[in-house]
Amino acid sequence: MPSITNSAGSFFNRSLAQMAELRSGIERTRTQIATGRKIERGSQDPAAAAQLRSVARREALAEVEGDNAARLGQDLGAAANEVQAVTDLLQRARELAVQAASSATGADGRQAIAFELEQLQQELFSRSNAVSLTGEPLFAGQSTDTAFSRDAAGVVTYAGTPSSGAVPVAPGTAIERGLPGSEVFEFDLGGTPSSAFAVLATLTTALQGGGGDPVAAANASLAGIDAALDTTNRATTILGTRMAWVEQVEDQQADRRVALAERRSRVGDTDIADAIARLQQSLTALEASQAAFARVSSLTLFDALR
């Protein structure tokens, strides 16, 4: 019986290999369509895989920076609200000091003013130790303890750090978390360190008859209250500026997230329309190869048997 020639055997092997390659490509394309991913393994396209890893690292960092910016915005907003409340409190204290300095205000009136000032001092101390939504002190700088402490004599002292620390919110950009309490509640008065606490405490004591002329004490307190107001107004400006900066950074972060997503999609996502077209072409080519193989195989077998 005549045998199948070597050339026919080579044809069979080439045809089988070609059809196997087509089937493999078809399965790969089907997987790309089903998963939406162009690359299943890095070995398929090392350069594209490296780009995707780079994008993934940048997206992970962008997520951290986004969380930082969101939290920073919350902290700055909370601090600004507290400072505004302190400013309102000091303005009320100034009104009371002006009343106490009036000769028309009698002893009973000054006692009533002293009582209200005591309430304001309590509120001032409470606001100086305000915390963020996560329970961290707003005015303690980088310390996790309370910003201000008060001893048995009622003297209030700053217990935080001199700076608040910066939070990274974008590549090469870090924004101060807030303001330390020393820059919100303390100031120099005539070259001498003072604080809103000390000014109000001194005035309250004088109005309660703790010594000296209460009218003179009320008049003298106005300079200290004004200095305290200047300090809180400055703090409000700084916090507002940083809040606006955070908002600008968040807008830029949104743009970067879109750009990264587009790059990831361009490099790693399947172009469904293109993949379907390639799949159809591969199926047509496979069908044609199978038909040709079957036709040539039957002729070759017939020749071998003839």
C-alpha atoms as a PDB file:
ATOM      1  CA  MET A   1       0.000   0.000   0.000  1.00  0.00           C
ATOM      2  CA  PRO A   2       1.490   3.365  -0.952  1.00  0.00           C
ATOM      3  CA  SER A   3       2.341   5.541   2.049  1.00  0.00           C
ATOM      4  CA  ILE A   4       1.524   9.179   2.650  1.00  0.00           C
ATOM      5  CA  THR A   5       4.439  11.288   1.393  1.00  0.00           C
ATOM      6  CA  ASN A   6       6.669  13.382   3.624  1.00  0.00           C
ATOM      7  CA  SER A   7       5.373  16.566   1.969  1.00  0.00           C
ATOM      8  CA  ALA A   8       1.805  15.593   2.844  1.00  0.00           C
ATOM      9  CA  GLY A   9       2.856  14.875   6.414  1.00  0.00           C
ATOM     10  CA  SER A  10       4.474  18.300   6.635  1.00  0.00           C
ATOM     11  CA  PHE A  11       1.271  19.844   5.326  1.00  0.00           C
ATOM     12  CA  PHE A  12      -0.743  18.063   8.015  1.00  0.00           C
ATOM     13  CA  ASN A  13       1.609  19.258  10.752  1.00  0.00           C
ATOM     14  CA  ARG A  14       1.584  22.859   9.522  1.00  0.00           C
ATOM     15  CA  SER A  15      -2.179  22.849   9.198  1.00  0.00           C
ATOM     16  CA  LEU A  16      -2.679  21.383  12.648  1.00  0.00           C
ATOM     17  CA  ALA A  17      -0.281  23.917  14.161  1.00  0.00           C
ATOM     18  CA  GLN A  18      -2.013  26.765  12.332  1.00  0.00           C
ATOM     19  CA  MET A  19      -5.443  25.672  13.542  1.00  0.00           C
ATOM     20  CA  ALA A  20      -4.160  25.238  17.097  1.00  0.00           C
ATOM     21  CA  GLU A  21      -2.772  28.767  17.001  1.00  0.00           C
ATOM     22  CA  LEU A  22      -6.084  30.079  15.694  1.00  0.00           C
ATOM     23  CA  ARG A  23      -8.001  28.282  18.452  1.00  0.00           C
ATOM     24  CA  SER A  24      -5.624  29.675  21.061  1.00  0.00           C
ATOM     25  CA  GLY A  25      -6.112  33.192  19.700  1.00  0.00           C
ATOM     26  CA  ILE A  26      -9.872  32.714  19.658  1.00  0.00           C
ATOM     27  CA  GLU A  27      -9.909  31.613  23.284  1.00  0.00           C
ATOM     28  CA  ARG A  28      -7.673  34.515  24.260  1.00  0.00           C
ATOM     29  CA  THR A  29      -9.939  36.995  22.477  1.00  0.00           C
ATOM     30  CA  ARG A  30     -13.040  35.451  24.056  1.00  0.00           C
ATOM     31  CA  THR A  31     -11.411  35.812  27.486  1.00  0.00           C
ATOM     32  CA  GLN A  32     -10.557  39.449  26.757  1.00  0.00           C
ATOM     33  CA  ILE A  33     -14.163  40.135  25.820  1.00  0.00           C
ATOM     34  CA  ALA A  34     -15.523  38.292  28.876  1.00  0.00           C
ATOM     35  CA  THR A  35     -13.161  39.911  31.422  1.00  0.00           C
ATOM     36  CA  GLY A  36     -12.701  43.287  29.770  1.00  0.00           C
ATOM     37  CA  ARG A  37      -8.934  42.960  30.289  1.00  0.00           C
ATOM     38  CA  LYS A  38      -6.520  42.999  27.407  1.00  0.00           C
ATOM     39  CA  ILE A  39      -3.676  41.404  29.394  1.00  0.00           C
ATOM     40  CA  GLU A  40      -4.171  38.329  31.567  1.00  0.00           C
ATOM     41  CA  ARG A  41      -0.489  37.666  32.214  1.00  0.00           C
ATOM     42  CA  GLY A  42       2.466  40.019  32.176  1.00  0.00           C
ATOM     43  CA  SER A  43       4.303  37.737  29.764  1.00  0.00           C
ATOM     44  CA  GLN A  44       1.712  38.508  27.078  1.00  0.00           C
ATOM     45  CA  ASP A  45       2.923  42.140  26.864  1.00  0.00           C
ATOM     46  CA  PRO A  46       5.711  42.993  29.349  1.00  0.00           C
ATOM     47  CA  ALA A  47       5.805  46.694  28.394  1.00  0.00           C
ATOM     48  CA  ALA A  48       2.061  47.155  28.828  1.00  0.00           C
ATOM     49  CA  ALA A  49       2.119  45.148  32.056  1.00  0.00           C
ATOM     50  CA  ALA A  50       4.825  47.454  33.428  1.00  0.00           C
ATOM     51  CA  GLN A  51       2.704  50.494  32.533  1.00  0.00           C
ATOM     52  CA  LEU A  52      -0.308  48.986  34.298  1.00  0.00           C
ATOM     53  CA  ARG A  53       1.756  48.326  37.436  1.00  0.00           C
ATOM     54  CA  SER A  54       2.937  51.937  37.385  1.00  0.00           C
ATOM     55  CA  VAL A  55      -0.636  53.181  36.997  1.00  0.00           C
ATOM     56  CA  ALA A  56      -1.807  50.901  39.824  1.00  0.00           C
ATOM     57  CA  ARG A  57       0.883  52.281  42.163  1.00  0.00           C
ATOM     58  CA  ARG A  58      -0.062  55.849  41.281  1.00  0.00           C
ATOM     59  CA  GLU A  59      -3.764  55.121  41.773  1.00  0.00           C
ATOM     60  CA  ALA A  60      -3.064  53.609  45.204  1.00  0.00           C
ATOM     61  CA  LEU A  61      -1.047  56.684  46.182  1.00  0.00           C
ATOM     62  CA  ALA A  62      -3.760  58.959  44.779  1.00  0.00           C
ATOM     63  CA  GLU A  63      -6.343  57.189  46.938  1.00  0.00           C
ATOM     64  CA  VAL A  64      -4.249  57.839  50.059  1.00  0.00           C
ATOM     65  CA  GLU A  65      -3.749  61.472  49.051  1.00  0.00           C
ATOM     66  CA  GLY A  66      -7.486  61.806  48.426  1.00  0.00           C
ATOM     67  CA  ASP A  67      -8.284  60.429  51.870  1.00  0.00           C
ATOM     68  CA  ASN A  68      -5.720  62.795  53.382  1.00  0.00           C
ATOM     69  CA  ALA A  69      -7.232  65.802  51.616  1.00  0.00           C
ATOM     70  CA  ALA A  70     -10.773  64.863  52.654  1.00  0.00           C
ATOM     71  CA  ARG A  71      -9.769  64.417  56.278  1.00  0.00           C
ATOM     72  CA  LEU A  72      -7.666  67.586  56.213  1.00  0.00           C
ATOM     73  CA  GLY A  73     -10.594  69.545  54.834  1.00  0.00           C
ATOM     74  CA  GLN A  74     -12.805  68.241  57.635  1.00  0.00           C
ATOM     75  CA  ASP A  75     -10.233  69.136  60.303  1.00  0.00           C
ATOM     76  CA  LEU A  76      -9.646  72.621  58.912  1.00  0.00           C
ATOM     77  CA  GLY A  77     -13.389  73.207  58.668  1.00  0.00           C
ATOM     78  CA  ALA A  78     -13.925  72.060  62.247  1.00  0.00           C
ATOM     79  CA  ALA A  79     -11.071  74.260  63.471  1.00  0.00           C
ATOM     80  CA  ALA A  80     -12.440  77.252  61.545  1.00  0.00           C
ATOM     81  CA  ASN A  81     -15.858  76.744  63.128  1.00  0.00           C
ATOM     82  CA  GLU A  82     -14.334  76.644  66.603  1.00  0.00           C
ATOM     83  CA  VAL A  83     -12.241  79.756  65.961  1.00  0.00           C
ATOM     84  CA  GLN A  84     -15.312  81.603  64.713  1.00  0.00           C
ATOM     85  CA  ALA A  85     -17.162  80.619  67.878  1.00  0.00           C
ATOM     86  CA  VAL A  86     -14.221  81.874  69.952  1.00  0.00           C
ATOM     87  CA  THR A  87     -14.270  85.161  68.016  1.00  0.00           C
ATOM     88  CA  ASP A  88     -17.981  85.572  68.772  1.00  0.00           C
ATOM     89  CA  LEU A  89     -17.259  84.773  72.415  1.00  0.00           C
ATOM     90  CA  LEU A  90     -14.515  87.398  72.615  1.00  0.00           C
ATOM     91  CA  GLN A  91     -16.734  89.985  70.971  1.00  0.00           C
ATOM     92  CA  ARG A  92     -19.316  89.326  73.675  1.00  0.00           C
ATOM     93  CA  ALA A  93     -16.598  89.614  76.305  1.00  0.00           C
ATOM     94  CA  ARG A  94     -15.620  92.992  74.843  1.00  0.00           C
ATOM     95  CA  GLU A  95     -19.217  94.194  75.041  1.00  0.00           C
ATOM     96  CA  LEU A  96     -19.303  93.139  78.692  1.00  0.00           C
ATOM     97  CA  ALA A  97     -15.983  94.889  79.384  1.00  0.00           C
ATOM     98  CA  VAL A  98     -17.318  98.113  77.866  1.00  0.00           C
ATOM     99  CA  GLN A  99     -20.407  97.835  80.095  1.00  0.00           C
ATOM    100  CA  ALA A 100     -18.250  97.188  83.153  1.00  0.00           C
ATOM    101  CA  ALA A 101     -16.108 100.218  82.350  1.00  0.00           C
ATOM    102  CA  SER A 102     -19.159 102.471  82.337  1.00  0.00           C
ATOM    103  CA  SER A 103     -19.709 104.534  85.461  1.00  0.00           C
ATOM    104  CA  ALA A 104     -23.415 103.865  85.040  1.00  0.00           C
ATOM    105  CA  THR A 105     -22.907 100.205  85.853  1.00  0.00           C
ATOM    106  CA  GLY A 106     -23.211  99.555  89.567  1.00  0.00           C
ATOM    107  CA  ALA A 107     -21.682  96.861  91.758  1.00  0.00           C
ATOM    108  CA  ASP A 108     -24.546  94.436  91.172  1.00  0.00           C
ATOM    109  CA  GLY A 109     -24.256  94.945  87.432  1.00  0.00           C
ATOM    110  CA  ARG A 110     -20.558  94.200  87.529  1.00  0.00           C
ATOM    111  CA  GLN A 111     -21.207  91.039  89.556  1.00  0.00           C
ATOM    112  CA  ALA A 112     -23.652  89.892  86.865  1.00  0.00           C
ATOM    113  CA  ILE A 113     -21.040  90.665  84.201  1.00  0.00           C
ATOM    114  CA  ALA A 114     -18.430  88.705  86.165  1.00  0.00           C
ATOM    115  CA  PHE A 115     -20.797  85.726  86.314  1.00  0.00           C
ATOM    116  CA  GLU A 116     -21.290  85.785  82.537  1.00  0.00           C
ATOM    117  CA  LEU A 117     -17.549  86.147  82.003  1.00  0.00           C
ATOM    118  CA  GLU A 118     -17.018  83.011  84.096  1.00  0.00           C
ATOM    119  CA  GLN A 119     -19.363  81.132  81.737  1.00  0.00           C
ATOM    120  CA  LEU A 120     -17.477  82.490  78.758  1.00  0.00           C
ATOM    121  CA  GLN A 121     -14.207  81.320  80.255  1.00  0.00           C
ATOM    122  CA  GLN A 122     -15.589  77.810  80.640  1.00  0.00           C
ATOM    123  CA  GLU A 123     -16.751  77.830  77.029  1.00  0.00           C
ATOM    124  CA  LEU A 124     -13.397  79.226  75.885  1.00  0.00           C
ATOM    125  CA  PHE A 125     -11.524  76.417  77.654  1.00  0.00           C
ATOM    126  CA  SER A 126     -13.877  73.825  76.194  1.00  0.00           C
ATOM    127  CA  ARG A 127     -13.437  75.135  72.649  1.00  0.00           C
ATOM    128  CA  SER A 128      -9.683  75.318  73.020  1.00  0.00           C
ATOM    129  CA  ASN A 129      -9.751  71.547  73.611  1.00  0.00           C
ATOM    130  CA  ALA A 130     -12.172  70.764  70.761  1.00  0.00           C
ATOM    131  CA  VAL A 131     -11.555  67.560  68.813  1.00  0.00           C
ATOM    132  CA  SER A 132     -12.021  66.479  65.215  1.00  0.00           C
ATOM    133  CA  LEU A 133     -14.551  63.936  63.943  1.00  0.00           C
ATOM    134  CA  THR A 134     -11.959  61.234  64.619  1.00  0.00           C
ATOM    135  CA  GLY A 135     -11.415  62.398  68.203  1.00  0.00           C
ATOM    136  CA  GLU A 136      -8.057  64.121  67.717  1.00  0.00           C
ATOM    137  CA  PRO A 137      -7.472  67.533  69.321  1.00  0.00           C
ATOM    138  CA  LEU A 138      -7.760  70.380  66.836  1.00  0.00           C
ATOM    139  CA  PHE A 139      -5.413  72.822  68.547  1.00  0.00           C
ATOM    140  CA  ALA A 140      -2.767  70.605  70.181  1.00  0.00           C
ATOM    141  CA  GLY A 141      -0.387  70.683  67.211  1.00  0.00           C
ATOM    142  CA  GLN A 142       1.031  67.198  66.692  1.00  0.00           C
ATOM    143  CA  SER A 143       0.174  66.055  70.201  1.00  0.00           C
ATOM    144  CA  THR A 144      -2.640  63.579  70.772  1.00  0.00           C
ATOM    145  CA  ASP A 145      -3.371  64.920  74.261  1.00  0.00           C
ATOM    146  CA  THR A 146      -5.529  67.898  75.163  1.00  0.00           C
ATOM    147  CA  ALA A 147      -4.301  71.234  73.879  1.00  0.00           C
ATOM    148  CA  PHE A 148      -4.723  73.213  77.118  1.00  0.00           C
ATOM    149  CA  SER A 149      -4.590  72.245  80.779  1.00  0.00           C
ATOM    150  CA  ARG A 150      -5.831  74.133  83.837  1.00  0.00           C
ATOM    151  CA  ASP A 151      -4.253  73.919  87.269  1.00  0.00           C
ATOM    152  CA  ALA A 152      -5.923  74.178  90.667  1.00  0.00           C
ATOM    153  CA  ALA A 153      -5.570  77.951  90.658  1.00  0.00           C
ATOM    154  CA  GLY A 154      -7.401  78.160  87.347  1.00  0.00           C
ATOM    155  CA  VAL A 155      -4.328  79.098  85.307  1.00  0.00           C
ATOM    156  CA  VAL A 156      -4.619  77.768  81.751  1.00  0.00           C
ATOM    157  CA  THR A 157      -1.446  76.581  79.982  1.00  0.00           C
ATOM    158  CA  TYR A 158      -0.828  75.371  76.448  1.00  0.00           C
ATOM    159  CA  ALA A 159       0.260  71.708  76.473  1.00  0.00           C
ATOM    160  CA  GLY A 160       0.548  71.013  72.746  1.00  0.00           C
ATOM    161  CA  THR A 161       3.390  71.279  70.254  1.00  0.00           C
ATOM    162  CA  PRO A 162       4.423  74.507  68.474  1.00  0.00           C
ATOM    163  CA  SER A 163       3.433  73.220  65.009  1.00  0.00           C
ATOM    164  CA  SER A 164       0.585  71.150  63.586  1.00  0.00           C
ATOM    165  CA  GLY A 165       2.523  69.145  61.013  1.00  0.00           C
ATOM    166  CA  ALA A 166       1.870  68.918  57.288  1.00  0.00           C
ATOM    167  CA  VAL A 167      -0.305  66.369  55.481  1.00  0.00           C
ATOM    168  CA  PRO A 168       0.715  65.143  51.974  1.00  0.00           C
ATOM    169  CA  VAL A 169      -2.184  65.676  49.579  1.00  0.00           C
ATOM    170  CA  ALA A 170      -0.508  65.586  46.166  1.00  0.00           C
ATOM    171  CA  PRO A 171       2.915  64.873  44.637  1.00  0.00           C
ATOM    172  CA  GLY A 172       5.241  67.452  46.189  1.00  0.00           C
ATOM    173  CA  THR A 173       2.391  69.158  48.073  1.00  0.00           C
ATOM    174  CA  ALA A 174       1.717  69.047  51.814  1.00  0.00           C
ATOM    175  CA  ILE A 175      -0.639  71.347  53.737  1.00  0.00           C
ATOM    176  CA  GLU A 176      -0.511  72.219  57.431  1.00  0.00           C
ATOM    177  CA  ARG A 177      -3.186  70.299  59.334  1.00  0.00           C
ATOM    178  CA  GLY A 178      -4.360  73.350  61.259  1.00  0.00           C
ATOM    179  CA  LEU A 179      -3.033  75.791  63.821  1.00  0.00           C
ATOM    180  CA  PRO A 180      -1.538  75.060  67.230  1.00  0.00           C
ATOM    181  CA  GLY A 181      -3.444  76.560  70.122  1.00  0.00           C
ATOM    182  CA  SER A 182      -0.553  78.887  70.873  1.00  0.00           C
ATOM    183  CA  GLU A 183      -1.339  80.701  67.582  1.00  0.00           C
ATOM    184  CA  VAL A 184      -5.061  80.937  68.301  1.00  0.00           C
ATOM    185  CA  PHE A 185      -5.411  81.714  72.007  1.00  0.00           C
ATOM    186  CA  GLU A 186      -2.041  83.252  72.946  1.00  0.00           C
ATOM    187  CA  PHE A 187      -0.390  86.537  71.944  1.00  0.00           C
ATOM    188  CA  ASP A 188       1.970  89.278  73.106  1.00  0.00           C
ATOM    189  CA  LEU A 189       0.439  92.188  74.966  1.00  0.00           C
ATOM    190  CA  GLY A 190       2.799  95.127  75.249  1.00  0.00           C
ATOM    191  CA  GLY A 191       5.757  92.794  74.795  1.00  0.00           C
ATOM    192  CA  THR A 192       4.523  90.397  77.490  1.00  0.00           C
ATOM    193  CA  PRO A 193       3.149  86.912  76.711  1.00  0.00           C
ATOM    194  CA  SER A 194      -0.569  86.719  77.432  1.00  0.00           C
ATOM    195  CA  SER A 195      -3.652  84.760  76.422  1.00  0.00           C
ATOM    196  CA  ALA A 196      -7.394  85.105  76.039  1.00  0.00           C
ATOM    197  CA  PHE A 197      -7.741  82.997  79.187  1.00  0.00           C
ATOM    198  CA  ALA A 198      -5.559  85.316  81.259  1.00  0.00           C
ATOM    199  CA  VAL A 199      -7.268  88.481  80.029  1.00  0.00           C
ATOM    200  CA  LEU A 200     -10.762  87.234  80.854  1.00  0.00           C
ATOM    201  CA  ALA A 201      -9.668  85.731  84.184  1.00  0.00           C
ATOM    202  CA  THR A 202      -8.049  89.008  85.278  1.00  0.00           C
ATOM    203  CA  LEU A 203     -11.128  91.003  84.348  1.00  0.00           C
ATOM    204  CA  THR A 204     -13.457  88.573  86.087  1.00  0.00           C
ATOM    205  CA  THR A 205     -11.430  88.688  89.302  1.00  0.00           C
ATOM    206  CA  ALA A 206     -11.398  92.501  89.304  1.00  0.00           C
ATOM    207  CA  LEU A 207     -15.171  92.687  88.788  1.00  0.00           C
ATOM    208  CA  GLN A 208     -15.715  90.247  91.639  1.00  0.00           C
ATOM    209  CA  GLY A 209     -13.890  92.620  93.960  1.00  0.00           C
ATOM    210  CA  GLY A 210     -10.585  90.879  93.869  1.00  0.00           C
ATOM    211  CA  GLY A 211      -8.683  94.136  94.301  1.00  0.00           C
ATOM    212  CA  GLY A 212      -8.123  97.343  92.414  1.00  0.00           C
ATOM    213  CA  ASP A 213     -10.514  99.599  90.598  1.00  0.00           C
ATOM    214  CA  PRO A 214     -12.988  97.481  88.550  1.00  0.00           C
ATOM    215  CA  VAL A 215     -13.612 100.363  86.116  1.00  0.00           C
ATOM    216  CA  ALA A 216      -9.892 100.748  85.436  1.00  0.00           C
ATOM    217  CA  ALA A 217      -9.553  96.978  85.131  1.00  0.00           C
ATOM    218  CA  ALA A 218     -12.401  96.860  82.602  1.00  0.00           C
ATOM    219  CA  ASN A 219     -10.804  99.625  80.551  1.00  0.00           C
ATOM    220  CA  ALA A 220      -7.413  97.924  80.709  1.00  0.00           C
ATOM    221  CA  SER A 221      -8.899  94.602  79.578  1.00  0.00           C
ATOM    222  CA  LEU A 222     -10.039  96.077  76.252  1.00  0.00           C
ATOM    223  CA  ALA A 223      -6.487  96.095  74.875  1.00  0.00           C
ATOM    224  CA  GLY A 224      -6.082  92.427  75.770  1.00  0.00           C
ATOM    225  CA  ILE A 225      -9.458  91.463  74.304  1.00  0.00           C
ATOM    226  CA  ASP A 226      -8.652  93.357  71.111  1.00  0.00           C
ATOM    227  CA  ALA A 227      -5.318  91.528  70.878  1.00  0.00           C
ATOM    228  CA  ALA A 228      -7.153  88.230  71.345  1.00  0.00           C
ATOM    229  CA  LEU A 229      -9.606  89.192  68.584  1.00  0.00           C
ATOM    230  CA  ASP A 230      -6.743  90.127  66.258  1.00  0.00           C
ATOM    231  CA  THR A 231      -5.238  86.698  66.894  1.00  0.00           C
ATOM    232  CA  THR A 232      -8.448  84.788  66.168  1.00  0.00           C
ATOM    233  CA  ASN A 233      -9.123  86.893  63.061  1.00  0.00           C
ATOM    234  CA  ARG A 234      -5.660  86.068  61.789  1.00  0.00           C
ATOM    235  CA  ALA A 235      -6.279  82.378  62.546  1.00  0.00           C
ATOM    236  CA  THR A 236      -9.564  82.509  60.636  1.00  0.00           C
ATOM    237  CA  THR A 237      -7.775  83.951  57.588  1.00  0.00           C
ATOM    238  CA  ILE A 238      -5.072  81.271  57.686  1.00  0.00           C
ATOM    239  CA  LEU A 239      -7.547  78.422  58.087  1.00  0.00           C
ATOM    240  CA  GLY A 240      -9.750  79.797  55.312  1.00  0.00           C
ATOM    241  CA  THR A 241      -6.776  80.039  52.966  1.00  0.00           C
ATOM    242  CA  ARG A 242      -5.789  76.446  53.677  1.00  0.00           C
ATOM    243  CA  MET A 243      -9.352  75.230  53.201  1.00  0.00           C
ATOM    244  CA  ALA A 244      -9.436  76.913  49.775  1.00  0.00           C
ATOM    245  CA  TRP A 245      -6.087  75.292  48.963  1.00  0.00           C
ATOM    246  CA  VAL A 246      -7.461  71.875  49.915  1.00  0.00           C
ATOM    247  CA  GLU A 247     -10.492  72.403  47.671  1.00  0.00           C
ATOM    248  CA  GLN A 248      -8.201  73.287  44.777  1.00  0.00           C
ATOM    249  CA  VAL A 249      -6.084  70.187  45.429  1.00  0.00           C
ATOM    250  CA  GLU A 250      -9.200  67.994  45.535  1.00  0.00           C
ATOM    251  CA  ASP A 251     -10.239  69.324  42.113  1.00  0.00           C
ATOM    252  CA  GLN A 252      -6.772  68.495  40.783  1.00  0.00           C
ATOM    253  CA  GLN A 253      -6.967  65.044  42.368  1.00  0.00           C
ATOM    254  CA  ALA A 254     -10.244  64.385  40.553  1.00  0.00           C
ATOM    255  CA  ASP A 255      -8.589  65.337  37.253  1.00  0.00           C
ATOM    256  CA  ARG A 256      -5.623  63.055  37.979  1.00  0.00           C
ATOM    257  CA  ARG A 257      -7.933  60.148  38.840  1.00  0.00           C
ATOM    258  CA  VAL A 258      -9.699  60.558  35.508  1.00  0.00           C
ATOM    259  CA  ALA A 259      -6.371  60.740  33.644  1.00  0.00           C
ATOM    260  CA  LEU A 260      -5.067  57.620  35.406  1.00  0.00           C
ATOM    261  CA  ALA A 261      -8.284  55.731  34.710  1.00  0.00           C
ATOM    262  CA  GLU A 262      -8.104  56.694  31.040  1.00  0.00           C
ATOM    263  CA  ARG A 263      -4.478  55.581  30.824  1.00  0.00           C
ATOM    264  CA  ARG A 264      -5.276  52.277  32.546  1.00  0.00           C
ATOM    265  CA  SER A 265      -8.174  51.707  30.183  1.00  0.00           C
ATOM    266  CA  ARG A 266      -6.106  52.593  27.136  1.00  0.00           C
ATOM    267  CA  VAL A 267      -3.300  50.221  28.110  1.00  0.00           C
ATOM    268  CA  GLY A 268      -5.130  47.361  29.781  1.00  0.00           C
ATOM    269  CA  ASP A 269      -8.815  47.349  28.864  1.00  0.00           C
ATOM    270  CA  THR A 270     -10.265  45.438  25.946  1.00  0.00           C
ATOM    271  CA  ASP A 271     -11.582  47.374  22.981  1.00  0.00           C
ATOM    272  CA  ILE A 272     -14.766  45.319  22.727  1.00  0.00           C
ATOM    273  CA  ALA A 273     -15.645  46.363  19.151  1.00  0.00           C
ATOM    274  CA  ASP A 274     -12.129  45.592  17.931  1.00  0.00           C
ATOM    275  CA  ALA A 275     -12.027  42.302  19.848  1.00  0.00           C
ATOM    276  CA  ILE A 276     -15.343  41.150  18.358  1.00  0.00           C
ATOM    277  CA  ALA A 277     -14.085  41.986  14.864  1.00  0.00           C
ATOM    278  CA  ARG A 278     -10.849  40.050  15.483  1.00  0.00           C
ATOM    279  CA  LEU A 279     -12.819  37.135  16.909  1.00  0.00           C
ATOM    280  CA  GLN A 280     -15.021  36.978  13.826  1.00  0.00           C
ATOM    281  CA  GLN A 281     -11.970  37.098  11.551  1.00  0.00           C
ATOM    282  CA  SER A 282     -10.288  34.315  13.536  1.00  0.00           C
ATOM    283  CA  LEU A 283     -13.420  32.141  13.470  1.00  0.00           C
ATOM    284  CA  THR A 284     -13.731  32.639   9.720  1.00  0.00           C
ATOM    285  CA  ALA A 285     -10.057  31.792   9.232  1.00  0.00           C
ATOM    286  CA  LEU A 286     -10.366  28.704  11.430  1.00  0.00           C
ATOM    287  CA  GLU A 287     -13.434  27.518   9.549  1.00  0.00           C
ATOM    288  CA  ALA A 288     -11.642  28.004   6.229  1.00  0.00           C
ATOM    289  CA  SER A 289      -8.537  26.185   7.497  1.00  0.00           C
ATOM    290  CA  GLN A 290     -10.591  23.266   8.784  1.00  0.00           C
ATOM    291  CA  ALA A 291     -12.432  22.979   5.459  1.00  0.00           C
ATOM    292  CA  ALA A 292      -9.205  23.115   3.462  1.00  0.00           C
ATOM    293  CA  PHE A 293      -7.568  20.594   5.737  1.00  0.00           C
ATOM    294  CA  ALA A 294     -10.479  18.200   5.440  1.00  0.00           C
ATOM    295  CA  ARG A 295     -10.543  18.519   1.657  1.00  0.00           C
ATOM    296  CA  VAL A 296      -6.803  18.027   1.187  1.00  0.00           C
ATOM    297  CA  SER A 297      -6.703  15.238   3.771  1.00  0.00           C
ATOM    298  CA  SER A 298      -9.390  13.242   1.937  1.00  0.00           C
ATOM    299  CA  LEU A 299      -7.585  13.634  -1.384  1.00  0.00           C
ATOM    300  CA  THR A 300      -4.263  12.588   0.096  1.00  0.00           C
ATOM    301  CA  LEU A 301      -5.813   9.580   1.796  1.00  0.00           C
ATOM    302  CA  PHE A 302      -7.528   8.598  -1.459  1.00  0.00           C
ATOM    303  CA  ASP A 303      -4.189   8.786  -3.312  1.00  0.00           C
ATOM    304  CA  ALA A 304      -2.532   6.664  -0.645  1.00  0.00           C
ATOM    305  CA  LEU A 305      -5.202   4.003  -0.922  1.00  0.00           C
ATOM    306  CA  ARG A 306      -5.461   3.981  -4.713  1.00  0.00           C
END
